[in-house]
Protein backbone atom coordinates (compact mmCIF):
# COMPACT_ATOMS: atom_id res chain seq x y z
CA MET A 1 -90.07 -8.85 -38.80
CA ILE A 2 -93.87 -8.85 -39.78
CA THR A 3 -95.58 -12.00 -41.20
CA LEU A 4 -98.54 -11.79 -43.34
CA PRO A 5 -100.69 -14.52 -44.99
CA VAL A 6 -100.76 -14.71 -48.81
CA TYR A 7 -104.26 -16.10 -49.42
CA TYR A 8 -107.50 -14.27 -48.39
CA SER A 9 -110.81 -15.76 -47.90
CA HIS A 10 -114.19 -14.32 -48.60
CA LYS A 11 -117.90 -15.35 -49.03
CA THR A 12 -119.61 -15.73 -52.20
CA LYS A 13 -122.85 -17.08 -53.24
CA LYS A 14 -121.48 -20.51 -53.67
CA GLY A 15 -119.38 -20.70 -50.42
CA ILE A 16 -115.95 -19.48 -49.31
CA GLU A 17 -113.53 -18.61 -51.87
CA THR A 18 -109.68 -18.45 -50.81
CA ILE A 19 -107.70 -16.25 -53.30
CA LEU A 20 -103.79 -15.57 -53.55
CA VAL A 21 -103.17 -12.05 -52.95
CA GLY A 22 -101.60 -11.25 -56.30
CA MET A 23 -102.11 -8.76 -58.93
CA ASN A 24 -103.64 -11.14 -61.53
CA LYS A 25 -106.63 -11.56 -58.84
CA TYR A 26 -106.48 -8.25 -57.22
CA GLU A 27 -107.29 -6.52 -60.64
CA ARG A 28 -110.23 -8.81 -61.54
CA ILE A 29 -112.13 -9.21 -58.11
CA HIS A 30 -115.23 -7.14 -57.46
CA HIS A 31 -114.43 -3.70 -55.79
CA ILE A 32 -116.28 -4.72 -52.73
CA VAL A 33 -114.16 -7.72 -52.24
CA ARG A 34 -111.20 -5.85 -52.90
CA ASN A 35 -112.02 -3.03 -50.21
CA ALA A 36 -112.96 -5.97 -47.78
CA MET A 37 -109.51 -7.52 -48.50
CA LYS A 38 -107.83 -4.03 -48.03
CA LYS A 39 -109.44 -3.40 -44.67
CA TYR A 40 -108.53 -6.84 -43.53
CA TYR A 41 -104.85 -6.53 -44.41
CA TYR A 42 -104.86 -2.83 -43.19
CA SER A 43 -106.14 -4.09 -39.73
CA LEU A 44 -103.80 -6.97 -39.88
CA ILE A 45 -100.66 -4.68 -40.35
CA ALA A 46 -101.71 -2.11 -37.81
CA SER A 47 -102.00 -4.63 -35.13
CA LYS A 48 -98.40 -5.74 -35.80
CA LEU A 49 -96.96 -2.18 -35.90
CA LYS A 50 -97.44 -1.58 -32.10
CA ASN A 51 -94.59 0.77 -30.79
CA VAL A 52 -93.05 0.76 -34.46
CA LYS A 53 -91.83 4.50 -35.49
CA ILE A 54 -89.40 5.43 -38.13
CA LYS A 55 -88.02 8.86 -38.28
CA GLY A 56 -85.68 8.42 -41.46
CA LYS A 57 -86.23 6.98 -44.80
CA VAL A 58 -87.32 3.51 -45.29
CA LYS A 59 -86.43 0.31 -47.06
CA THR A 60 -88.38 -3.03 -47.13
CA HIS A 61 -87.50 -6.64 -47.90
CA TYR A 62 -90.02 -9.38 -48.82
CA THR A 63 -89.29 -13.06 -48.44
CA TYR A 64 -92.28 -14.94 -50.12
CA PHE A 65 -92.90 -18.61 -48.98
CA TYR A 66 -95.05 -20.04 -51.67
CA LYS A 67 -97.57 -22.83 -51.52
CA ASN A 68 -97.82 -23.46 -55.35
CA SER A 69 -94.70 -23.33 -57.26
CA GLN A 70 -96.55 -21.93 -60.16
CA SER A 71 -97.23 -18.68 -58.33
CA ASP A 72 -95.89 -15.44 -59.46
CA ALA A 73 -93.74 -13.89 -56.49
CA PRO A 74 -93.58 -10.20 -58.04
CA ASN A 75 -97.30 -10.11 -58.50
CA VAL A 76 -97.88 -11.33 -54.79
CA VAL A 77 -95.21 -8.87 -53.62
CA ALA A 78 -96.71 -5.74 -55.42
CA VAL A 79 -99.98 -6.15 -53.83
CA ILE A 80 -98.56 -6.78 -50.26
CA ASP A 81 -95.97 -3.79 -50.47
CA LYS A 82 -98.84 -1.66 -51.66
CA MET A 83 -101.02 -2.45 -48.85
CA PHE A 84 -98.07 -2.44 -46.25
CA MET A 85 -96.80 1.03 -47.30
CA ASP A 86 -100.16 2.55 -47.28
CA GLN A 87 -100.70 1.24 -43.64
CA LEU A 88 -97.24 2.29 -42.35
CA GLN A 89 -98.54 6.03 -43.42
CA ASN A 90 -102.06 5.39 -42.02
CA SER A 91 -100.55 4.23 -38.90
CA LYS A 92 -97.99 7.16 -38.89
CA VAL A 93 -95.18 4.83 -38.79
CA ILE A 94 -93.60 6.95 -41.61
CA LYS A 95 -94.55 10.18 -42.79
CA ASP A 96 -95.44 9.43 -46.37
CA ASP A 97 -94.52 6.46 -48.81
CA ASN A 98 -93.41 8.59 -51.60
CA VAL A 99 -90.08 8.61 -53.15
CA LEU A 100 -88.26 10.95 -50.76
CA ASN A 101 -89.14 8.50 -47.71
CA TYR A 102 -89.59 4.87 -49.43
CA ILE A 103 -86.39 4.39 -51.11
CA GLY A 104 -85.91 0.92 -51.62
CA SER A 105 -87.58 -2.46 -51.59
CA SER A 106 -86.23 -6.01 -52.73
CA TRP A 107 -87.69 -9.50 -52.63
CA GLU A 108 -86.72 -13.06 -52.46
CA VAL A 109 -88.22 -16.48 -52.74
CA GLY A 110 -88.13 -18.65 -49.60
CA GLU A 111 -88.99 -22.14 -49.80
CA GLN A 112 -92.28 -24.00 -50.51
CA ASP A 113 -94.71 -23.89 -47.48
CA LYS A 114 -97.86 -25.87 -48.13
CA VAL A 115 -99.05 -25.54 -44.68
CA ASN A 116 -98.17 -21.79 -43.96
CA PRO A 117 -97.75 -19.85 -47.17
CA ARG A 118 -96.70 -16.32 -46.23
CA ILE A 119 -94.88 -13.32 -46.84
CA GLU A 120 -92.21 -12.05 -44.46
CA ILE A 121 -91.50 -8.41 -44.07
CA ARG A 122 -88.41 -6.67 -42.84
CA ILE A 123 -88.29 -2.82 -42.36
CA PHE A 124 -84.79 -1.09 -42.41
CA GLU A 125 -84.66 2.68 -41.30
CA VAL A 126 -82.15 4.55 -43.39
CA GLN A 127 -80.46 7.88 -42.29
């Protein structure tokens, strides 16, 4: 299981801004901030993939532990899934994240966790 934070902090002219990593914000943030966020997540994901190799097809399951009960789980899962699958490919854990290799994904909402909001990812190799 791989655990990732769902909030990302970056510097602004006014100080530090912390954002929920979801489609609503991802689409609207400045491209420099978005690229920095992707680099941060790619590095974090890569550090958790040591010695992970998948030869067959892959499925994932995401469990979202939310801070705010008004957050939109599918928006968060979509962004994390995109970055996660891109890094699986970049790290050569999988050959490609196309439909021939990445054949399924599911998600569920865990419980509220105001102290450690996160997403837990399980990877399943399918023969």
